[in-house]
């Protein structure tokens, strides 16, 4: 068997990615310790190119996937069925966000990250972050509707693209056969983007080596020393959601074996961990849901929607713990009302995590809602800015797990889960082999 054919197997691919991660960490650590700036530049260039290759495909993939997903719902019943599916999916998004933020608060209270720490970032870092647009409810509402359709794509405003996609998908659904030519074009674009992404994902080990290497070369021991309590709290909180809440709900609500789920979802979860991008993992996430037996039409609707609006790691667990950390850092006491506001922001503000601002928008939205002054917000975020890459890994892995798990148990409740496919032990192929979405009925 050729190396290429062996490499295409998910288990072998996963081992290669892990090996690249370890090698990248070692190279980054050595580059930092020995002052080899050329090696840092090489690692940074490799990681940047790989990230850009992934990013350029996200918006066309999100648009076409949502449009095709909504259109595919015609094959599952009438408009009422589609509305019920969408409503149930969003309800579970909110329910799991509530559970996740409560876990984040509990872990934060127990571990009490930041207690006794008196770190202060460089003034230029505080100034840089203070100049950034901080998250607010008004900004979120103002940025929902694009002033220019093509500008939303050109500027990378993924939240606006999602809104446009939902509107266009609903119009296509309503027009029926008259919109079939447009559906065919979207299907072709979706297939093309899927194929290109399949090729890019096969370069993941090289990209991971650069991304992880540059992170270690840039931040070094900051991963494990002053902010160890925050890192531990985030990993414990997200792990409780990833390996506790989701498996429990899969078993109780969906009747799905957690072992079977993780066996098929592990490639996508692992890729999310190293790539730190739910959008880049979207093709693998959707294919994983299909391999778990979720109806392809529903998967094509629910997974892309979840990818842009369902982020328990970034939008629930992390803001809760980071807020407690920053409050401890500045000696600010949090009362019951403050924790209630944290919960409300996590449940109703998760949509704000869509786009390139991600965790920053959600965290500043949470801190601003608590009424903390801008200089405290900027300084607090600056303190944790250096270790964000290592925190973002587990946050993204948690996000993606929920984005796959929720459609799985919702599909069970709607009779859209194929047990024959679910119980097939064969591991899912890598994207580009069978990543094609079926043409909507």
Protein backbone atom coordinates (compact mmCIF):
# COMPACT_ATOMS: atom_id res chain seq x y z
CA UNK A 1 0.00 0.00 0.00
CA UNK A 2 1.41 3.39 -0.96
CA UNK A 3 2.24 6.04 1.62
CA UNK A 4 -0.40 8.38 0.17
CA UNK A 5 -3.14 5.79 0.52
CA UNK A 6 -2.06 5.04 4.08
CA UNK A 7 -1.87 8.75 4.90
CA UNK A 8 -5.46 9.18 3.73
CA UNK A 9 -6.69 6.95 6.56
CA UNK A 10 -8.03 9.09 9.42
CA UNK A 11 -6.07 7.29 12.15
CA UNK A 12 -2.78 7.67 10.29
CA UNK A 13 -3.64 11.25 9.42
CA UNK A 14 -4.30 11.97 13.08
CA UNK A 15 -0.94 10.51 14.11
CA UNK A 16 0.83 12.60 11.49
CA UNK A 17 -0.92 15.74 12.77
CA UNK A 18 0.06 14.95 16.38
CA UNK A 19 3.65 14.33 15.30
CA UNK A 20 3.67 17.68 13.50
CA UNK A 21 2.27 19.38 16.61
CA UNK A 22 5.03 17.95 18.81
CA UNK A 23 7.75 18.77 16.28
CA UNK A 24 6.41 22.31 15.88
CA UNK A 25 6.42 22.84 19.65
CA UNK A 26 10.01 21.60 19.90
CA UNK A 27 11.18 23.80 17.02
CA UNK A 28 9.38 26.83 18.46
CA UNK A 29 10.85 26.26 21.91
CA UNK A 30 14.37 25.88 20.49
CA UNK A 31 13.96 28.95 18.30
CA UNK A 32 12.97 31.02 21.33
CA UNK A 33 15.75 29.69 23.56
CA UNK A 34 18.53 30.00 20.96
CA UNK A 35 17.37 33.27 19.42
CA UNK A 36 17.06 31.82 15.91
CA UNK A 37 14.94 34.57 14.36
CA UNK A 38 15.09 32.98 10.90
CA UNK A 39 13.40 29.86 12.24
CA UNK A 40 10.68 31.95 13.90
CA UNK A 41 10.09 33.69 10.57
CA UNK A 42 9.86 30.37 8.72
CA UNK A 43 7.38 28.94 11.24
CA UNK A 44 5.31 32.12 11.19
CA UNK A 45 5.23 32.16 7.38
CA UNK A 46 4.14 28.51 7.15
CA UNK A 47 1.40 28.99 9.73
CA UNK A 48 0.17 32.24 8.17
CA UNK A 49 -0.04 30.79 4.66
CA UNK A 50 -1.94 27.74 5.89
CA UNK A 51 -4.36 29.86 7.94
CA UNK A 52 -4.97 32.16 4.96
CA UNK A 53 -5.65 29.19 2.69
CA UNK A 54 -8.30 27.99 5.12
CA UNK A 55 -9.79 31.41 5.70
CA UNK A 56 -10.33 32.19 2.02
CA UNK A 57 -12.71 29.26 1.67
CA UNK A 58 -14.81 29.90 4.80
CA UNK A 59 -17.27 32.52 3.52
CA UNK A 60 -18.24 30.81 0.23
CA UNK A 61 -18.54 27.54 2.11
CA UNK A 62 -20.79 29.04 4.82
CA UNK A 63 -23.04 30.78 2.28
CA UNK A 64 -23.53 27.81 -0.03
CA UNK A 65 -23.82 25.30 2.83
CA UNK A 66 -26.59 27.27 4.57
CA UNK A 67 -28.49 27.95 1.33
CA UNK A 68 -28.30 24.29 0.29
CA UNK A 69 -29.08 23.17 3.83
CA UNK A 70 -32.30 25.19 4.02
CA UNK A 71 -33.28 24.03 0.55
CA UNK A 72 -32.59 20.42 1.54
CA UNK A 73 -35.19 20.71 4.28
CA UNK A 74 -37.86 20.45 1.56
CA UNK A 75 -37.12 16.75 1.45
CA UNK A 76 -37.86 16.41 5.16
CA UNK A 77 -41.40 17.76 5.11
CA UNK A 78 -43.21 21.06 4.74
CA UNK A 79 -42.45 24.53 6.04
CA UNK A 80 -43.73 23.61 9.51
CA UNK A 81 -41.28 20.73 9.71
CA UNK A 82 -38.42 23.00 8.70
CA UNK A 83 -39.47 25.61 11.27
CA UNK A 84 -39.74 22.95 13.99
CA UNK A 85 -36.28 21.61 13.17
CA UNK A 86 -34.77 25.08 13.23
CA UNK A 87 -36.53 26.00 16.46
CA UNK A 88 -35.51 22.80 18.24
CA UNK A 89 -31.91 23.21 17.09
CA UNK A 90 -31.68 26.79 18.35
CA UNK A 91 -33.35 25.81 21.64
CA UNK A 92 -30.69 23.19 22.26
CA UNK A 93 -28.03 25.77 21.36
CA UNK A 94 -29.33 27.98 24.18
CA UNK A 95 -29.80 25.09 26.63
CA UNK A 96 -26.26 23.78 26.29
CA UNK A 97 -24.89 27.34 26.47
CA UNK A 98 -26.68 27.73 29.81
CA UNK A 99 -25.19 24.49 31.11
CA UNK A 100 -21.72 25.42 29.84
CA UNK A 101 -21.67 28.90 31.40
CA UNK A 102 -22.85 27.52 34.76
CA UNK A 103 -19.99 25.01 34.63
CA UNK A 104 -17.59 27.83 33.76
CA UNK A 105 -18.75 29.88 36.75
CA UNK A 106 -18.52 26.88 39.09
CA UNK A 107 -15.00 25.98 37.95
CA UNK A 108 -13.95 29.62 38.17
CA UNK A 109 -15.25 29.91 41.71
CA UNK A 110 -13.56 26.69 42.83
CA UNK A 111 -10.15 27.23 41.20
CA UNK A 112 -10.29 31.03 41.63
CA UNK A 113 -7.84 31.80 38.81
CA UNK A 114 -5.84 34.97 39.23
CA UNK A 115 -5.90 34.91 43.00
CA UNK A 116 -2.58 36.28 44.24
CA UNK A 117 -1.34 37.14 40.74
CA UNK A 118 -0.16 40.71 40.17
CA UNK A 119 0.83 40.70 36.52
CA UNK A 120 0.85 43.86 34.45
CA UNK A 121 1.32 43.86 30.67
CA UNK A 122 3.47 46.26 28.73
CA UNK A 123 1.81 49.71 28.31
CA UNK A 124 1.91 49.46 24.52
CA UNK A 125 -0.09 46.20 24.67
CA UNK A 126 -2.76 47.83 26.83
CA UNK A 127 -2.96 50.82 24.48
CA UNK A 128 -3.28 48.55 21.45
CA UNK A 129 -6.15 46.57 22.96
CA UNK A 130 -7.88 49.66 24.32
CA UNK A 131 -8.08 51.03 20.77
CA UNK A 132 -9.89 47.95 19.49
CA UNK A 133 -13.66 48.02 19.15
CA UNK A 134 -15.05 46.28 22.22
CA UNK A 135 -18.16 44.15 22.05
CA UNK A 136 -21.51 45.75 22.83
CA UNK A 137 -25.14 44.89 22.19
CA UNK A 138 -25.61 48.05 20.11
CA UNK A 139 -22.62 47.21 17.91
CA UNK A 140 -23.96 43.71 17.44
CA UNK A 141 -27.36 44.98 16.26
CA UNK A 142 -25.84 47.63 14.01
CA UNK A 143 -23.57 45.11 12.34
CA UNK A 144 -26.22 42.48 11.66
CA UNK A 145 -27.38 43.87 8.30
CA UNK A 146 -24.73 44.71 5.69
CA UNK A 147 -24.97 48.01 3.84
CA UNK A 148 -23.45 46.30 0.80
CA UNK A 149 -23.98 42.66 -0.09
CA UNK A 150 -20.57 42.19 -1.69
CA UNK A 151 -18.93 44.26 1.03
CA UNK A 152 -19.96 41.69 3.64
CA UNK A 153 -17.98 39.05 1.74
CA UNK A 154 -15.07 41.36 0.93
CA UNK A 155 -14.70 42.51 4.55
CA UNK A 156 -15.03 39.01 5.97
CA UNK A 157 -18.10 39.88 8.06
CA UNK A 158 -19.22 36.31 8.65
CA UNK A 159 -22.17 37.26 10.86
CA UNK A 160 -23.60 39.39 8.04
CA UNK A 161 -22.94 36.58 5.57
CA UNK A 162 -24.86 34.17 7.81
CA UNK A 163 -27.85 36.53 7.94
CA UNK A 164 -27.81 36.97 4.16
CA UNK A 165 -27.48 33.22 3.70
CA UNK A 166 -30.51 32.55 5.89
CA UNK A 167 -32.58 35.13 3.99
CA UNK A 168 -31.51 33.82 0.58
CA UNK A 169 -32.03 30.21 1.65
CA UNK A 170 -35.55 31.00 2.87
CA UNK A 171 -36.33 32.74 -0.44
CA UNK A 172 -35.00 29.79 -2.43
CA UNK A 173 -37.09 27.44 -0.28
CA UNK A 174 -40.22 29.51 -0.94
CA UNK A 175 -39.65 29.77 -4.70
CA UNK A 176 -39.31 26.03 -5.15
CA UNK A 177 -38.65 24.87 -8.72
CA UNK A 178 -38.23 28.42 -10.02
CA UNK A 179 -34.99 28.73 -8.01
CA UNK A 180 -33.52 25.41 -9.17
CA UNK A 181 -30.90 27.05 -11.46
CA UNK A 182 -29.63 29.07 -8.51
CA UNK A 183 -29.56 25.93 -6.36
CA UNK A 184 -27.54 24.14 -9.04
CA UNK A 185 -24.97 26.95 -9.10
CA UNK A 186 -24.67 26.85 -5.31
CA UNK A 187 -24.28 23.07 -5.40
CA UNK A 188 -21.44 23.38 -7.90
CA UNK A 189 -19.69 26.08 -5.87
CA UNK A 190 -20.14 24.04 -2.68
CA UNK A 191 -18.62 20.96 -4.31
CA UNK A 192 -15.69 22.94 -5.67
CA UNK A 193 -14.94 24.56 -2.31
CA UNK A 194 -15.24 21.18 -0.59
CA UNK A 195 -12.72 19.64 -2.99
CA UNK A 196 -10.26 22.52 -2.54
CA UNK A 197 -10.63 22.31 1.23
CA UNK A 198 -9.98 18.60 1.05
CA UNK A 199 -6.64 19.32 -0.57
CA UNK A 200 -5.83 22.05 1.96
CA UNK A 201 -6.69 19.85 4.93
CA UNK A 202 -4.22 17.25 3.70
CA UNK A 203 -1.58 19.92 4.25
CA UNK A 204 -2.67 20.23 7.89
CA UNK A 205 0.48 18.64 9.38
CA UNK A 206 2.65 21.27 7.69
CA UNK A 207 0.30 24.07 8.75
CA UNK A 208 0.09 22.76 12.31
CA UNK A 209 3.88 22.63 12.55
CA UNK A 210 4.06 26.30 11.61
CA UNK A 211 1.15 27.47 13.78
CA UNK A 212 2.23 25.64 16.95
CA UNK A 213 5.91 26.38 16.36
CA UNK A 214 5.26 30.10 16.03
CA UNK A 215 3.05 30.09 19.15
CA UNK A 216 5.79 28.49 21.27
CA UNK A 217 8.48 30.71 19.75
CA UNK A 218 6.43 33.82 20.53
CA UNK A 219 5.00 33.06 23.98
CA UNK A 220 7.33 30.41 25.42
CA UNK A 221 7.00 29.62 29.11
CA UNK A 222 3.99 31.91 29.52
CA UNK A 223 1.90 28.84 28.73
CA UNK A 224 2.82 27.18 32.02
CA UNK A 225 3.96 29.78 34.57
CA UNK A 226 2.19 32.99 35.68
CA UNK A 227 -1.19 32.11 34.18
CA UNK A 228 -1.22 28.40 34.96
CA UNK A 229 -4.34 28.74 37.12
CA UNK A 230 -6.31 30.34 34.27
CA UNK A 231 -5.10 27.74 31.79
CA UNK A 232 -6.02 24.90 34.14
CA UNK A 233 -9.46 26.37 34.84
CA UNK A 234 -10.27 26.81 31.14
CA UNK A 235 -9.13 23.28 30.28
CA UNK A 236 -11.04 21.75 33.19
CA UNK A 237 -14.22 23.70 32.43
CA UNK A 238 -14.22 22.98 28.70
CA UNK A 239 -13.28 19.34 29.29
CA UNK A 240 -16.28 18.91 31.59
CA UNK A 241 -18.50 20.14 28.77
CA UNK A 242 -16.68 18.24 26.03
CA UNK A 243 -16.31 14.89 27.81
CA UNK A 244 -19.13 15.18 30.34
CA UNK A 245 -22.13 17.21 29.19
CA UNK A 246 -22.13 16.25 25.53
CA UNK A 247 -21.69 12.48 26.08
CA UNK A 248 -24.39 12.53 28.75
CA UNK A 249 -26.89 14.31 26.48
CA UNK A 250 -25.93 12.09 23.56
CA UNK A 251 -26.79 9.05 25.67
CA UNK A 252 -29.89 10.40 27.42
CA UNK A 253 -31.45 12.46 24.62
CA UNK A 254 -30.11 10.86 21.48
CA UNK A 255 -29.55 7.27 22.57
CA UNK A 256 -26.10 7.48 20.97
CA UNK A 257 -23.07 5.74 22.42
CA UNK A 258 -20.45 8.36 23.40
CA UNK A 259 -17.75 5.88 22.37
CA UNK A 260 -19.25 5.57 18.88
CA UNK A 261 -19.61 9.34 18.69
CA UNK A 262 -16.02 10.13 19.60
CA UNK A 263 -14.68 7.33 17.42
CA UNK A 264 -16.13 9.03 14.37
CA UNK A 265 -15.81 12.64 15.53
CA UNK A 266 -12.25 12.50 16.83
CA UNK A 267 -10.60 13.52 13.54
CA UNK A 268 -12.71 16.69 13.35
CA UNK A 269 -12.19 17.47 17.06
CA UNK A 270 -8.45 16.98 16.73
CA UNK A 271 -8.28 19.17 13.64
CA UNK A 272 -10.27 21.86 15.47
CA UNK A 273 -7.81 21.69 18.37
CA UNK A 274 -4.75 22.30 16.22
CA UNK A 275 -6.29 24.67 13.66
CA UNK A 276 -8.20 26.76 16.23
CA UNK A 277 -10.92 27.45 13.67
CA UNK A 278 -14.50 26.19 13.69
CA UNK A 279 -14.94 27.56 10.17
CA UNK A 280 -11.96 25.67 8.83
CA UNK A 281 -13.26 22.50 10.50
CA UNK A 282 -16.77 22.94 9.04
CA UNK A 283 -16.33 20.45 6.15
CA UNK A 284 -15.08 17.77 8.53
CA UNK A 285 -17.81 18.61 11.05
CA UNK A 286 -20.60 18.26 8.50
CA UNK A 287 -19.18 15.03 7.10
CA UNK A 288 -18.79 13.66 10.63
CA UNK A 289 -22.47 14.36 11.37
CA UNK A 290 -23.43 12.50 8.19
CA UNK A 291 -21.14 9.60 9.16
CA UNK A 292 -22.93 9.49 12.51
CA UNK A 293 -26.19 8.87 10.66
CA UNK A 294 -27.61 12.41 10.63
CA UNK A 295 -29.76 13.07 7.57
CA UNK A 296 -27.51 14.90 5.04
CA UNK A 297 -30.13 17.55 4.40
CA UNK A 298 -30.50 18.43 8.07
CA UNK A 299 -26.72 18.20 8.60
CA UNK A 300 -26.16 20.67 5.75
CA UNK A 301 -28.42 23.14 7.55
CA UNK A 302 -27.63 22.60 11.24
CA UNK A 303 -23.84 22.19 11.20
CA UNK A 304 -23.03 25.39 9.25
CA UNK A 305 -25.48 27.32 11.43
CA UNK A 306 -23.87 25.87 14.56
CA UNK A 307 -20.39 26.66 13.26
CA UNK A 308 -21.16 30.37 13.21
CA UNK A 309 -23.44 30.72 16.25
CA UNK A 310 -22.84 27.77 18.62
CA UNK A 311 -19.61 28.11 20.58
CA UNK A 312 -19.76 26.81 24.14
CA UNK A 313 -16.00 27.04 24.54
CA UNK A 314 -15.56 30.65 23.38
CA UNK A 315 -18.97 32.03 24.32
CA UNK A 316 -19.85 30.33 27.61
CA UNK A 317 -17.08 28.57 29.55
CA UNK A 318 -14.23 30.90 28.67
CA UNK A 319 -15.88 34.31 29.27
CA UNK A 320 -17.12 33.14 32.66
CA UNK A 321 -13.69 31.95 33.81
CA UNK A 322 -11.77 34.84 32.24
CA UNK A 323 -14.13 37.38 33.84
CA UNK A 324 -13.51 35.84 37.27
CA UNK A 325 -9.77 35.88 36.57
CA UNK A 326 -9.75 39.57 35.58
CA UNK A 327 -11.93 40.50 38.56
CA UNK A 328 -9.49 38.72 40.88
CA UNK A 329 -6.56 40.41 39.19
CA UNK A 330 -7.91 43.86 40.03
CA UNK A 331 -9.54 43.00 43.34
CA UNK A 332 -13.09 43.44 42.06
CA UNK A 333 -15.76 41.48 43.90
CA UNK A 334 -18.51 39.81 41.87
CA UNK A 335 -21.99 39.42 43.31
CA UNK A 336 -25.00 37.30 42.40
CA UNK A 337 -26.24 39.94 39.95
CA UNK A 338 -22.90 39.93 38.14
CA UNK A 339 -22.99 36.17 37.70
CA UNK A 340 -26.55 36.40 36.43
CA UNK A 341 -25.40 38.91 33.78
CA UNK A 342 -22.59 36.54 32.75
CA UNK A 343 -25.18 33.81 32.24
CA UNK A 344 -27.49 36.05 30.21
CA UNK A 345 -24.67 37.19 27.92
CA UNK A 346 -23.56 33.60 27.34
CA UNK A 347 -27.06 32.40 26.45
CA UNK A 348 -28.21 35.33 24.33
CA UNK A 349 -24.93 36.80 23.10
CA UNK A 350 -23.23 33.73 21.67
CA UNK A 351 -24.04 34.89 18.15
CA UNK A 352 -21.54 37.70 18.72
CA UNK A 353 -18.69 35.20 18.57
CA UNK A 354 -19.18 34.76 14.83
CA UNK A 355 -16.40 36.32 12.81
CA UNK A 356 -12.72 37.02 13.25
CA UNK A 357 -13.13 38.82 16.62
CA UNK A 358 -14.36 35.61 18.27
CA UNK A 359 -13.34 35.31 21.90
CA UNK A 360 -12.35 38.99 22.12
CA UNK A 361 -15.84 40.22 21.23
CA UNK A 362 -17.53 37.80 23.61
CA UNK A 363 -15.21 38.53 26.51
CA UNK A 364 -15.40 42.32 26.10
CA UNK A 365 -19.17 42.06 25.72
CA UNK A 366 -19.32 40.20 29.03
CA UNK A 367 -16.97 42.58 30.82
CA UNK A 368 -18.73 45.64 29.42
CA UNK A 369 -22.11 44.30 30.53
CA UNK A 370 -20.74 44.08 34.08
CA UNK A 371 -19.88 47.78 33.86
CA UNK A 372 -16.10 47.46 34.18
CA UNK A 373 -14.17 50.54 33.00
CA UNK A 374 -12.49 50.35 29.56
CA UNK A 375 -8.96 50.57 30.99
CA UNK A 376 -9.62 47.59 33.26
CA UNK A 377 -11.04 45.59 30.34
CA UNK A 378 -8.06 46.41 28.12
CA UNK A 379 -5.52 45.69 30.83
CA UNK A 380 -7.20 42.43 31.87
CA UNK A 381 -7.37 41.13 28.32
CA UNK A 382 -3.77 42.19 27.73
CA UNK A 383 -2.67 40.05 30.66
CA UNK A 384 -4.20 36.91 29.14
CA UNK A 385 -3.46 37.86 25.53
CA UNK A 386 -0.13 36.04 25.49
CA UNK A 387 -1.53 32.61 26.34
CA UNK A 388 -4.66 32.88 24.19
CA UNK A 389 -3.39 30.43 21.50
CA UNK A 390 -3.15 27.57 24.00
CA UNK A 391 -6.58 28.44 25.45
CA UNK A 392 -8.12 28.74 22.00
CA UNK A 393 -7.19 25.14 21.17
CA UNK A 394 -9.46 23.56 23.77
CA UNK A 395 -12.13 26.24 23.28
CA UNK A 396 -12.37 25.44 19.56
CA UNK A 397 -12.35 21.68 20.16
CA UNK A 398 -15.27 22.15 22.56
CA UNK A 399 -17.09 24.37 20.06
CA UNK A 400 -16.80 21.82 17.26
CA UNK A 401 -17.86 18.91 19.45
CA UNK A 402 -21.09 20.72 20.30
CA UNK A 403 -21.61 21.68 16.67
CA UNK A 404 -21.62 17.99 15.77
CA UNK A 405 -23.31 16.56 18.87
CA UNK A 406 -26.39 18.79 18.98
CA UNK A 407 -27.54 18.02 15.40
CA UNK A 408 -26.99 14.35 16.23
CA UNK A 409 -29.42 14.18 19.15
CA UNK A 410 -31.88 16.57 17.51
CA UNK A 411 -31.89 14.26 14.48
CA UNK A 412 -32.70 11.35 16.78
CA UNK A 413 -35.73 13.14 18.17
CA UNK A 414 -36.97 13.96 14.66
CA UNK A 415 -36.44 10.47 13.25
CA UNK A 416 -33.60 11.72 11.04
CA UNK A 417 -30.85 9.52 12.45
CA UNK A 418 -29.89 6.36 10.55
CA UNK A 419 -28.85 3.72 13.10
CA UNK A 420 -27.36 1.59 10.35
CA UNK A 421 -24.91 4.36 9.47
CA UNK A 422 -24.37 5.26 13.12
CA UNK A 423 -23.38 1.73 14.08
CA UNK A 424 -21.07 1.20 11.12
CA UNK A 425 -17.60 0.86 12.65
CA UNK A 426 -15.78 2.00 9.51
CA UNK A 427 -13.98 5.29 10.26
CA UNK A 428 -15.07 8.28 8.17
CA UNK A 429 -12.98 9.15 5.11
CA UNK A 430 -11.11 12.41 4.93
CA UNK A 431 -12.80 15.33 3.29
CA UNK A 432 -12.54 15.31 -0.48
CA UNK A 433 -13.40 11.61 -0.72
CA UNK A 434 -17.10 11.70 0.22
CA UNK A 435 -17.52 15.28 1.41
CA UNK A 436 -20.08 16.11 -1.28
CA UNK A 437 -23.49 17.18 -0.09
CA UNK A 438 -26.46 15.66 -1.85
CA UNK A 439 -28.33 17.80 -4.30
CA UNK A 440 -31.43 19.12 -2.48
CA UNK A 441 -34.69 17.49 -3.38
